[in-house]
């Protein structure tokens, strides 16, 4: 959708310029707290099921298993990482994914190739025709990737009748702290992850 891409660029370019100094400070803080790279790069499933490298600030200890967040134990999150995740500051590097055209500001949150049930559900419902988003309707509704059928159905219902005003509301809700994305729980895996 040409309008969607223009909207993404109109918001992402000035926002990236404004937050660049904050991003640099956060990268230094992460590096000072724990060893390992301050940025986390992970392969995700993108538009038309094409893989791409998604950027995030690292919020978990190095060596943590490369699995979905809901499969990771809370002990894997660093002290600073918990704060970054609550404020959603770990997602800011994805503005560069938006500028590169791999992602949109609003869309279905990109999943891992290993999340086969979610990939299947999204493929069946035509979700992969869209660019994945920095934020999405399911995350604001509190539906995470641990419930793939419900997640894909909710995304399908939103994007069938998608309106620009609805996307703006999602962005504002995300900026104000709504939604939870893929929750890391105390009952998650004890294996460590690099996120």
N, C-alpha and C. Protein backbone atom coordinates (compact mmCIF):
# COMPACT_ATOMS: atom_id res chain seq x y z
N UNK A 1 0.84 -1.19 0.00
CA UNK A 1 0.00 0.00 0.00
C UNK A 1 0.88 1.24 0.00
N UNK A 2 0.82 2.05 -1.07
CA UNK A 2 1.67 3.24 -1.15
C UNK A 2 1.45 4.20 0.02
N UNK A 3 0.19 4.40 0.44
CA UNK A 3 -0.08 5.31 1.54
C UNK A 3 0.61 4.85 2.82
N UNK A 4 0.56 3.56 3.07
CA UNK A 4 1.16 3.01 4.28
C UNK A 4 2.66 3.28 4.31
N UNK A 5 3.31 3.08 3.17
CA UNK A 5 4.76 3.30 3.10
C UNK A 5 5.09 4.78 3.29
N UNK A 6 4.32 5.65 2.69
CA UNK A 6 4.54 7.09 2.87
C UNK A 6 4.34 7.50 4.32
N UNK A 7 3.32 6.94 4.96
CA UNK A 7 3.06 7.23 6.37
C UNK A 7 4.22 6.75 7.23
N UNK A 8 4.69 5.54 6.96
CA UNK A 8 5.82 4.98 7.71
C UNK A 8 7.04 5.90 7.63
N UNK A 9 7.37 6.33 6.41
CA UNK A 9 8.54 7.18 6.23
C UNK A 9 8.36 8.55 6.86
N UNK A 10 7.15 9.10 6.73
CA UNK A 10 6.89 10.43 7.29
C UNK A 10 7.03 10.45 8.81
N UNK A 11 6.72 9.33 9.46
CA UNK A 11 6.85 9.25 10.92
C UNK A 11 8.25 8.77 11.32
N UNK A 12 8.75 7.74 10.63
CA UNK A 12 10.01 7.11 11.05
C UNK A 12 11.23 7.99 10.85
N UNK A 13 11.30 8.76 9.77
CA UNK A 13 12.49 9.58 9.52
C UNK A 13 12.70 10.63 10.61
N UNK A 14 11.72 11.49 10.89
CA UNK A 14 11.96 12.47 11.96
C UNK A 14 12.13 11.83 13.33
N UNK A 15 11.39 10.74 13.58
CA UNK A 15 11.51 10.07 14.88
C UNK A 15 12.90 9.48 15.06
N UNK A 16 13.44 8.87 14.00
CA UNK A 16 14.78 8.29 14.07
C UNK A 16 15.82 9.36 14.36
N UNK A 17 15.66 10.53 13.77
CA UNK A 17 16.61 11.62 14.01
C UNK A 17 16.53 12.12 15.45
N UNK A 18 15.32 12.22 15.97
CA UNK A 18 15.12 12.73 17.33
C UNK A 18 15.66 11.76 18.37
N UNK A 19 15.43 10.48 18.16
CA UNK A 19 15.80 9.49 19.20
C UNK A 19 17.22 8.96 19.06
N UNK A 20 17.93 9.36 18.00
CA UNK A 20 19.29 8.83 17.79
C UNK A 20 20.19 9.02 19.02
N UNK A 21 20.21 10.21 19.65
CA UNK A 21 21.06 10.35 20.84
C UNK A 21 20.65 9.43 21.98
N UNK A 22 19.34 9.26 22.18
CA UNK A 22 18.84 8.36 23.23
C UNK A 22 19.28 6.94 22.93
N UNK A 23 19.20 6.55 21.66
CA UNK A 23 19.60 5.19 21.27
C UNK A 23 21.07 4.94 21.60
N UNK A 24 21.92 5.91 21.33
CA UNK A 24 23.34 5.74 21.61
C UNK A 24 23.59 5.60 23.11
N UNK A 25 22.90 6.40 23.91
CA UNK A 25 23.05 6.32 25.37
C UNK A 25 22.61 4.94 25.87
N UNK A 26 21.48 4.45 25.36
CA UNK A 26 20.97 3.15 25.79
C UNK A 26 21.91 2.02 25.39
N UNK A 27 22.52 2.13 24.22
CA UNK A 27 23.46 1.10 23.78
C UNK A 27 24.66 1.04 24.72
N UNK A 28 25.14 2.20 25.14
CA UNK A 28 26.26 2.24 26.08
C UNK A 28 25.85 1.66 27.43
N UNK A 29 24.65 2.00 27.89
CA UNK A 29 24.17 1.48 29.18
C UNK A 29 24.06 -0.04 29.16
N UNK A 30 23.54 -0.59 28.07
CA UNK A 30 23.42 -2.04 27.96
C UNK A 30 24.80 -2.69 27.99
N UNK A 31 25.73 -2.11 27.26
CA UNK A 31 27.08 -2.68 27.20
C UNK A 31 27.79 -2.61 28.55
N UNK A 32 27.51 -1.56 29.32
CA UNK A 32 28.12 -1.42 30.64
C UNK A 32 27.53 -2.41 31.64
N UNK A 33 26.24 -2.76 31.47
CA UNK A 33 25.60 -3.66 32.42
C UNK A 33 26.02 -5.12 32.21
N UNK A 34 26.07 -5.56 30.96
CA UNK A 34 26.37 -6.96 30.67
C UNK A 34 27.33 -7.07 29.50
N UNK A 35 27.99 -8.20 29.41
CA UNK A 35 28.86 -8.47 28.28
C UNK A 35 28.02 -8.82 27.07
N UNK A 36 28.63 -8.65 25.91
CA UNK A 36 27.92 -8.99 24.69
C UNK A 36 27.46 -7.76 23.95
N UNK A 37 27.01 -7.94 22.72
CA UNK A 37 26.58 -6.80 21.89
C UNK A 37 25.31 -6.17 22.44
N UNK A 38 25.22 -4.84 22.39
CA UNK A 38 24.02 -4.17 22.90
C UNK A 38 22.81 -4.30 21.97
N UNK A 39 23.06 -4.61 20.71
CA UNK A 39 21.96 -4.85 19.77
C UNK A 39 21.76 -6.34 19.58
N UNK A 40 20.51 -6.72 19.45
CA UNK A 40 20.14 -8.10 19.22
C UNK A 40 19.56 -8.20 17.82
N UNK A 41 20.12 -9.06 17.00
CA UNK A 41 19.66 -9.24 15.63
C UNK A 41 19.13 -10.66 15.50
N UNK A 42 17.90 -10.79 15.01
CA UNK A 42 17.28 -12.11 14.92
C UNK A 42 16.52 -12.23 13.61
N UNK A 43 16.62 -13.40 12.99
CA UNK A 43 15.88 -13.64 11.75
C UNK A 43 14.40 -13.81 12.07
N UNK A 44 13.57 -13.07 11.37
CA UNK A 44 12.12 -13.16 11.50
C UNK A 44 11.49 -13.37 10.14
N UNK A 45 10.22 -13.75 10.14
CA UNK A 45 9.48 -13.97 8.90
C UNK A 45 8.82 -12.66 8.49
N UNK A 46 9.14 -12.20 7.30
CA UNK A 46 8.63 -10.92 6.83
C UNK A 46 7.53 -11.04 5.81
N UNK A 47 7.34 -9.97 5.08
CA UNK A 47 6.31 -9.92 4.04
C UNK A 47 6.55 -11.02 3.00
N UNK A 48 5.48 -11.64 2.57
CA UNK A 48 5.55 -12.75 1.60
C UNK A 48 6.44 -13.89 2.10
N UNK A 49 6.53 -14.00 3.44
CA UNK A 49 7.28 -15.06 4.11
C UNK A 49 8.78 -14.99 3.84
N UNK A 50 9.25 -13.82 3.43
CA UNK A 50 10.68 -13.64 3.20
C UNK A 50 11.37 -13.36 4.54
N UNK A 51 12.49 -14.02 4.82
CA UNK A 51 13.19 -13.75 6.08
C UNK A 51 13.90 -12.40 6.05
N UNK A 52 14.00 -11.77 7.21
CA UNK A 52 14.76 -10.53 7.33
C UNK A 52 15.36 -10.49 8.73
N UNK A 53 16.35 -9.64 8.91
CA UNK A 53 17.02 -9.49 10.19
C UNK A 53 16.40 -8.34 10.97
N UNK A 54 15.72 -8.67 12.06
CA UNK A 54 15.06 -7.66 12.88
C UNK A 54 16.00 -7.20 14.00
N UNK A 55 16.02 -5.90 14.23
CA UNK A 55 16.88 -5.31 15.25
C UNK A 55 16.10 -5.04 16.53
N UNK A 56 16.74 -5.29 17.65
CA UNK A 56 16.19 -4.91 18.95
C UNK A 56 17.36 -4.56 19.86
N UNK A 57 17.07 -3.84 20.93
CA UNK A 57 18.08 -3.70 21.97
C UNK A 57 18.09 -4.99 22.77
N UNK A 58 19.27 -5.44 23.12
CA UNK A 58 19.37 -6.68 23.88
C UNK A 58 18.86 -6.46 25.29
N UNK A 59 17.90 -7.29 25.69
CA UNK A 59 17.32 -7.18 27.04
C UNK A 59 17.54 -8.46 27.85
N UNK A 60 18.17 -9.45 27.23
CA UNK A 60 18.41 -10.72 27.92
C UNK A 60 19.90 -11.03 27.93
N UNK A 61 20.27 -11.92 28.81
CA UNK A 61 21.66 -12.31 28.93
C UNK A 61 22.15 -12.99 27.66
N UNK A 62 23.43 -12.79 27.35
CA UNK A 62 24.00 -13.46 26.18
C UNK A 62 23.94 -14.97 26.40
N UNK A 63 23.72 -15.70 25.32
CA UNK A 63 23.64 -17.15 25.41
C UNK A 63 22.25 -17.69 25.60
N UNK A 64 21.24 -16.81 25.71
CA UNK A 64 19.87 -17.27 25.89
C UNK A 64 19.39 -17.95 24.60
N UNK A 65 18.59 -18.98 24.73
CA UNK A 65 18.13 -19.76 23.56
C UNK A 65 17.39 -18.87 22.57
N UNK A 66 17.52 -19.20 21.30
CA UNK A 66 16.88 -18.44 20.23
C UNK A 66 15.46 -18.95 20.02
N UNK A 67 14.58 -18.60 20.98
CA UNK A 67 13.18 -19.03 20.94
C UNK A 67 12.28 -17.82 21.17
N UNK A 68 10.98 -18.02 21.01
CA UNK A 68 10.02 -16.94 21.25
C UNK A 68 10.08 -16.49 22.71
N UNK A 69 9.80 -15.22 22.95
CA UNK A 69 9.91 -14.65 24.30
C UNK A 69 9.06 -15.37 25.32
N UNK A 70 7.86 -15.83 24.92
CA UNK A 70 7.00 -16.49 25.90
C UNK A 70 7.54 -17.86 26.33
N UNK A 71 8.59 -18.31 25.67
CA UNK A 71 9.21 -19.58 26.05
C UNK A 71 10.46 -19.37 26.91
N UNK A 72 10.72 -18.14 27.28
CA UNK A 72 11.93 -17.81 28.03
C UNK A 72 11.56 -17.44 29.46
N UNK A 73 12.35 -17.88 30.41
CA UNK A 73 12.11 -17.54 31.80
C UNK A 73 12.49 -16.11 32.12
N UNK A 74 11.81 -15.52 33.10
CA UNK A 74 12.07 -14.14 33.50
C UNK A 74 13.49 -13.93 33.98
N UNK A 75 14.14 -14.98 34.47
CA UNK A 75 15.52 -14.86 34.96
C UNK A 75 16.49 -14.51 33.84
N UNK A 76 16.09 -14.72 32.59
CA UNK A 76 16.96 -14.41 31.46
C UNK A 76 17.05 -12.92 31.18
N UNK A 77 16.10 -12.14 31.70
CA UNK A 77 16.07 -10.71 31.43
C UNK A 77 17.03 -9.98 32.36
N UNK A 78 17.81 -9.08 31.80
CA UNK A 78 18.72 -8.27 32.62
C UNK A 78 17.91 -7.22 33.38
N UNK A 79 18.54 -6.62 34.38
CA UNK A 79 17.85 -5.59 35.16
C UNK A 79 17.45 -4.41 34.27
N UNK A 80 18.40 -3.92 33.48
CA UNK A 80 18.10 -2.83 32.55
C UNK A 80 17.12 -3.30 31.48
N UNK A 81 17.24 -4.57 31.06
CA UNK A 81 16.35 -5.11 30.04
C UNK A 81 14.89 -5.09 30.45
N UNK A 82 14.61 -5.36 31.72
CA UNK A 82 13.23 -5.32 32.21
C UNK A 82 12.64 -3.92 32.07
N UNK A 83 13.45 -2.94 32.37
CA UNK A 83 13.01 -1.54 32.25
C UNK A 83 12.79 -1.17 30.79
N UNK A 84 13.73 -1.58 29.92
CA UNK A 84 13.60 -1.29 28.49
C UNK A 84 12.36 -1.92 27.90
N UNK A 85 12.06 -3.16 28.33
CA UNK A 85 10.89 -3.86 27.81
C UNK A 85 9.59 -3.21 28.29
N UNK A 86 9.55 -2.81 29.55
CA UNK A 86 8.33 -2.16 30.07
C UNK A 86 8.02 -0.88 29.30
N UNK A 87 9.07 -0.10 28.99
CA UNK A 87 8.88 1.16 28.27
C UNK A 87 8.91 0.99 26.75
N UNK A 88 9.12 -0.26 26.30
CA UNK A 88 9.18 -0.61 24.88
C UNK A 88 10.33 0.09 24.15
N UNK A 89 11.35 0.48 24.90
CA UNK A 89 12.52 1.11 24.30
C UNK A 89 13.39 0.09 23.57
N UNK A 90 13.19 -1.19 23.87
CA UNK A 90 13.96 -2.22 23.18
C UNK A 90 13.56 -2.33 21.72
N UNK A 91 12.38 -1.82 21.37
CA UNK A 91 11.88 -1.93 19.99
C UNK A 91 12.34 -0.78 19.09
N UNK A 92 12.90 0.29 19.65
CA UNK A 92 13.23 1.47 18.85
C UNK A 92 14.16 1.19 17.67
N UNK A 93 15.14 0.28 17.78
CA UNK A 93 15.99 0.02 16.60
C UNK A 93 15.21 -0.46 15.38
N UNK A 94 13.99 -0.92 15.58
CA UNK A 94 13.19 -1.37 14.44
C UNK A 94 12.78 -0.22 13.52
N UNK A 95 12.99 1.00 13.96
CA UNK A 95 12.76 2.13 13.05
C UNK A 95 13.67 2.00 11.83
N UNK A 96 14.87 1.44 12.03
CA UNK A 96 15.77 1.22 10.90
C UNK A 96 15.24 0.13 9.99
N UNK A 97 14.56 -0.87 10.55
CA UNK A 97 13.89 -1.87 9.72
C UNK A 97 12.76 -1.24 8.91
N UNK A 98 12.07 -0.26 9.52
CA UNK A 98 11.00 0.45 8.81
C UNK A 98 11.59 1.26 7.66
N UNK A 99 12.67 1.98 7.93
CA UNK A 99 13.30 2.79 6.88
C UNK A 99 13.81 1.92 5.73
N UNK A 100 14.29 0.72 6.07
CA UNK A 100 14.80 -0.20 5.05
C UNK A 100 13.69 -0.88 4.26
N UNK A 101 12.44 -0.77 4.73
CA UNK A 101 11.31 -1.36 4.02
C UNK A 101 10.98 -2.78 4.44
N UNK A 102 11.69 -3.30 5.47
CA UNK A 102 11.38 -4.65 5.95
C UNK A 102 10.14 -4.69 6.83
N UNK A 103 9.87 -3.56 7.49
CA UNK A 103 8.76 -3.49 8.45
C UNK A 103 7.95 -2.23 8.22
N UNK A 104 6.78 -2.22 8.84
CA UNK A 104 5.91 -1.05 8.87
C UNK A 104 5.78 -0.64 10.33
N UNK A 105 5.32 0.56 10.58
CA UNK A 105 5.10 0.97 11.97
C UNK A 105 4.01 0.12 12.61
N UNK A 106 2.96 -0.17 11.86
CA UNK A 106 1.86 -0.99 12.36
C UNK A 106 1.67 -2.18 11.42
N UNK A 107 1.62 -3.36 12.00
CA UNK A 107 1.44 -4.58 11.23
C UNK A 107 1.48 -5.76 12.16
N UNK A 108 1.37 -6.95 11.64
CA UNK A 108 1.50 -8.13 12.50
C UNK A 108 2.94 -8.23 13.01
N UNK A 109 3.11 -8.44 14.31
CA UNK A 109 4.46 -8.57 14.85
C UNK A 109 5.17 -9.75 14.20
N UNK A 110 6.40 -9.56 13.73
CA UNK A 110 7.09 -10.65 13.02
C UNK A 110 7.44 -11.82 13.92
N UNK A 111 7.18 -13.01 13.43
CA UNK A 111 7.45 -14.22 14.21
C UNK A 111 8.74 -14.88 13.74
N UNK A 112 9.16 -15.86 14.51
CA UNK A 112 10.33 -16.66 14.17
C UNK A 112 9.95 -17.73 13.14
N UNK A 113 10.87 -18.12 12.27
CA UNK A 113 10.57 -19.22 11.34
C UNK A 113 10.18 -20.51 12.06
N UNK A 114 10.69 -20.69 13.28
CA UNK A 114 10.41 -21.91 14.04
C UNK A 114 9.00 -21.95 14.63
N UNK A 115 8.27 -20.83 14.58
CA UNK A 115 6.91 -20.80 15.12
C UNK A 115 5.95 -21.29 14.04
N UNK A 116 6.03 -22.59 13.78
CA UNK A 116 5.37 -23.18 12.61
C UNK A 116 3.85 -23.03 12.63
N UNK A 117 3.22 -23.18 13.78
CA UNK A 117 1.77 -23.06 13.82
C UNK A 117 1.32 -21.64 13.49
N UNK A 118 2.04 -20.65 14.02
CA UNK A 118 1.70 -19.26 13.73
C UNK A 118 1.96 -18.94 12.26
N UNK A 119 3.07 -19.42 11.72
CA UNK A 119 3.37 -19.21 10.30
C UNK A 119 2.25 -19.81 9.45
N UNK A 120 1.80 -21.01 9.80
CA UNK A 120 0.74 -21.68 9.05
C UNK A 120 -0.58 -20.90 9.14
N UNK A 121 -0.93 -20.47 10.33
CA UNK A 121 -2.18 -19.71 10.52
C UNK A 121 -2.15 -18.39 9.75
N UNK A 122 -1.02 -17.71 9.82
CA UNK A 122 -0.91 -16.43 9.10
C UNK A 122 -0.94 -16.64 7.60
N UNK A 123 -0.29 -17.68 7.12
CA UNK A 123 -0.30 -17.97 5.68
C UNK A 123 -1.72 -18.26 5.21
N UNK A 124 -2.45 -19.03 5.99
CA UNK A 124 -3.83 -19.40 5.64
C UNK A 124 -4.74 -18.18 5.58
N UNK A 125 -4.46 -17.19 6.40
CA UNK A 125 -5.32 -16.01 6.48
C UNK A 125 -4.80 -14.82 5.65
N UNK A 126 -3.71 -15.02 4.93
CA UNK A 126 -3.18 -13.96 4.06
C UNK A 126 -2.44 -12.84 4.79
N UNK A 127 -2.03 -13.08 6.03
CA UNK A 127 -1.36 -12.05 6.83
C UNK A 127 0.00 -11.69 6.25
N UNK A 128 0.66 -12.64 5.58
CA UNK A 128 2.00 -12.39 5.07
C UNK A 128 2.01 -11.47 3.85
N UNK A 129 0.85 -11.04 3.39
CA UNK A 129 0.81 -10.04 2.33
C UNK A 129 1.21 -8.66 2.88
N UNK A 130 1.23 -8.54 4.21
CA UNK A 130 1.54 -7.27 4.87
C UNK A 130 2.97 -7.24 5.37
N UNK A 131 3.53 -6.04 5.47
CA UNK A 131 4.81 -5.90 6.16
C UNK A 131 4.57 -6.11 7.65
N UNK A 132 5.47 -6.80 8.34
CA UNK A 132 5.33 -6.91 9.79
C UNK A 132 5.50 -5.55 10.45
N UNK A 133 4.96 -5.41 11.66
CA UNK A 133 4.95 -4.11 12.30
C UNK A 133 5.79 -4.02 13.56
N UNK A 134 6.19 -2.79 13.87
CA UNK A 134 6.85 -2.50 15.14
C UNK A 134 5.85 -2.72 16.27
N UNK A 135 4.60 -2.37 16.00
CA UNK A 135 3.51 -2.69 16.91
C UNK A 135 2.35 -3.26 16.09
N UNK A 136 1.43 -3.91 16.77
CA UNK A 136 0.31 -4.51 16.05
C UNK A 136 -0.93 -4.58 16.90
N UNK A 137 -2.06 -4.85 16.29
CA UNK A 137 -3.33 -4.86 17.02
C UNK A 137 -3.41 -5.93 18.09
N UNK A 138 -2.85 -7.10 17.84
CA UNK A 138 -2.93 -8.19 18.81
C UNK A 138 -2.15 -7.84 20.08
N UNK A 139 -1.01 -7.18 19.93
CA UNK A 139 -0.20 -6.84 21.09
C UNK A 139 -0.92 -5.84 21.99
N UNK A 140 -1.60 -4.89 21.38
CA UNK A 140 -2.36 -3.90 22.17
C UNK A 140 -3.53 -4.58 22.86
N UNK A 141 -4.07 -5.62 22.23
CA UNK A 141 -5.19 -6.37 22.83
C UNK A 141 -4.71 -7.38 23.86
N UNK A 142 -3.38 -7.51 24.03
CA UNK A 142 -2.85 -8.45 25.02
C UNK A 142 -2.81 -9.89 24.56
N UNK A 143 -2.80 -10.11 23.24
CA UNK A 143 -2.73 -11.46 22.70
C UNK A 143 -1.30 -11.70 22.22
N UNK A 144 -0.61 -12.66 22.82
CA UNK A 144 0.77 -12.88 22.40
C UNK A 144 0.89 -14.14 21.54
N UNK A 145 2.11 -14.42 21.12
CA UNK A 145 2.35 -15.50 20.17
C UNK A 145 2.22 -16.89 20.77
N UNK A 146 1.94 -16.97 22.07
CA UNK A 146 1.70 -18.28 22.67
C UNK A 146 0.31 -18.81 22.31
N UNK A 147 -0.53 -17.96 21.69
CA UNK A 147 -1.87 -18.35 21.26
C UNK A 147 -2.00 -18.06 19.76
N UNK A 148 -1.33 -18.84 18.91
CA UNK A 148 -1.21 -18.49 17.50
C UNK A 148 -2.52 -18.42 16.72
N UNK A 149 -3.47 -19.29 17.02
CA UNK A 149 -4.74 -19.28 16.29
C UNK A 149 -5.51 -17.99 16.59
N UNK A 150 -5.63 -17.67 17.87
CA UNK A 150 -6.34 -16.45 18.27
C UNK A 150 -5.61 -15.21 17.75
N UNK A 151 -4.29 -15.21 17.80
CA UNK A 151 -3.50 -14.08 17.33
C UNK A 151 -3.74 -13.82 15.85
N UNK A 152 -3.63 -14.87 15.03
CA UNK A 152 -3.81 -14.71 13.58
C UNK A 152 -5.23 -14.29 13.24
N UNK A 153 -6.21 -14.82 13.95
CA UNK A 153 -7.61 -14.45 13.70
C UNK A 153 -7.84 -12.98 14.04
N UNK A 154 -7.26 -12.52 15.14
CA UNK A 154 -7.42 -11.13 15.54
C UNK A 154 -6.76 -10.20 14.53
N UNK A 155 -5.58 -10.58 14.06
CA UNK A 155 -4.89 -9.78 13.04
C UNK A 155 -5.71 -9.71 11.76
N UNK A 156 -6.23 -10.84 11.34
CA UNK A 156 -7.04 -10.87 10.11
C UNK A 156 -8.24 -9.94 10.23
N UNK A 157 -8.93 -9.98 11.36
CA UNK A 157 -10.11 -9.13 11.55
C UNK A 157 -9.74 -7.65 11.51
N UNK A 158 -8.60 -7.30 12.08
CA UNK A 158 -8.18 -5.89 12.08
C UNK A 158 -7.78 -5.43 10.68
N UNK A 159 -6.94 -6.20 10.01
CA UNK A 159 -6.37 -5.73 8.75
C UNK A 159 -7.34 -5.80 7.58
N UNK A 160 -8.43 -6.57 7.69
CA UNK A 160 -9.45 -6.58 6.64
C UNK A 160 -10.11 -5.20 6.54
N UNK A 161 -10.33 -4.57 7.67
CA UNK A 161 -11.01 -3.26 7.69
C UNK A 161 -10.06 -2.14 8.12
N UNK A 162 -8.79 -2.34 7.93
CA UNK A 162 -7.76 -1.39 8.39
C UNK A 162 -8.05 0.03 7.93
N UNK A 163 -7.89 0.97 8.87
CA UNK A 163 -8.07 2.40 8.58
C UNK A 163 -6.87 3.16 9.14
N UNK A 164 -6.44 4.23 8.47
CA UNK A 164 -5.30 5.02 8.98
C UNK A 164 -5.50 5.49 10.42
N UNK A 165 -6.72 5.90 10.76
CA UNK A 165 -6.98 6.37 12.12
C UNK A 165 -6.77 5.25 13.14
N UNK A 166 -7.13 4.03 12.76
CA UNK A 166 -6.91 2.89 13.64
C UNK A 166 -5.43 2.64 13.89
N UNK A 167 -4.61 2.78 12.84
CA UNK A 167 -3.17 2.61 12.98
C UNK A 167 -2.59 3.69 13.89
N UNK A 168 -3.07 4.92 13.74
CA UNK A 168 -2.59 6.01 14.59
C UNK A 168 -2.94 5.73 16.04
N UNK A 169 -4.13 5.22 16.28
CA UNK A 169 -4.53 4.88 17.66
C UNK A 169 -3.62 3.80 18.24
N UNK A 170 -3.27 2.80 17.42
CA UNK A 170 -2.37 1.75 17.89
C UNK A 170 -1.00 2.32 18.24
N UNK A 171 -0.49 3.23 17.41
CA UNK A 171 0.82 3.83 17.68
C UNK A 171 0.79 4.64 18.98
N UNK A 172 -0.27 5.41 19.17
CA UNK A 172 -0.39 6.21 20.39
C UNK A 172 -0.52 5.29 21.60
N UNK A 173 -1.32 4.25 21.49
CA UNK A 173 -1.48 3.30 22.60
C UNK A 173 -0.16 2.64 22.95
N UNK A 174 0.61 2.28 21.93
CA UNK A 174 1.92 1.67 22.17
C UNK A 174 2.84 2.65 22.87
N UNK A 175 2.88 3.89 22.39
CA UNK A 175 3.75 4.91 22.99
C UNK A 175 3.37 5.19 24.44
N UNK A 176 2.09 5.02 24.77
CA UNK A 176 1.62 5.26 26.15
C UNK A 176 1.74 4.02 27.03
N UNK A 177 2.29 2.93 26.46
CA UNK A 177 2.56 1.76 27.29
C UNK A 177 1.53 0.66 27.24
N UNK A 178 0.56 0.74 26.32
CA UNK A 178 -0.44 -0.33 26.23
C UNK A 178 0.15 -1.56 25.56
N UNK A 179 -0.44 -2.70 25.83
CA UNK A 179 -0.02 -3.95 25.20
C UNK A 179 1.17 -4.56 25.90
N UNK A 180 1.42 -5.83 25.54
CA UNK A 180 2.53 -6.52 26.19
C UNK A 180 3.35 -7.36 25.24
N UNK A 181 2.93 -7.51 23.98
CA UNK A 181 3.72 -8.32 23.06
C UNK A 181 3.87 -9.74 23.55
N UNK A 182 5.00 -10.33 23.32
CA UNK A 182 5.27 -11.69 23.78
C UNK A 182 5.78 -11.62 25.21
N UNK A 183 4.96 -12.04 26.12
CA UNK A 183 5.32 -11.94 27.54
C UNK A 183 6.34 -12.98 27.93
N UNK A 184 7.31 -12.55 28.74
CA UNK A 184 8.25 -13.47 29.35
C UNK A 184 7.70 -13.76 30.74
N UNK A 185 7.54 -15.03 31.06
CA UNK A 185 6.93 -15.37 32.34
C UNK A 185 7.90 -16.15 33.22
N UNK A 186 7.58 -16.17 34.48
CA UNK A 186 8.40 -16.92 35.43
C UNK A 186 8.38 -18.41 35.11
N UNK A 187 7.34 -18.86 34.42
CA UNK A 187 7.22 -20.29 34.09
C UNK A 187 7.86 -20.65 32.78
N UNK A 188 8.48 -19.66 32.12
CA UNK A 188 9.12 -19.92 30.83
C UNK A 188 10.33 -20.80 30.98
N UNK A 189 10.98 -21.06 29.86
CA UNK A 189 12.16 -21.93 29.85
C UNK A 189 13.27 -21.32 30.69
N UNK A 190 14.09 -22.15 31.27
CA UNK A 190 15.24 -21.68 32.02
C UNK A 190 16.46 -21.48 31.16
N UNK A 191 16.37 -21.85 29.88
CA UNK A 191 17.51 -21.66 29.01
C UNK A 191 17.73 -20.18 28.77
N UNK A 192 18.96 -19.83 28.46
CA UNK A 192 19.28 -18.42 28.29
C UNK A 192 19.13 -18.03 26.83
N UNK A 193 18.83 -16.77 26.62
CA UNK A 193 18.62 -16.25 25.28
C UNK A 193 19.39 -14.97 25.08
N UNK A 194 19.68 -14.63 23.82
CA UNK A 194 20.46 -13.43 23.51
C UNK A 194 19.59 -12.20 23.42
N UNK A 195 18.30 -12.28 23.60
CA UNK A 195 17.44 -11.12 23.42
C UNK A 195 17.44 -10.29 24.65
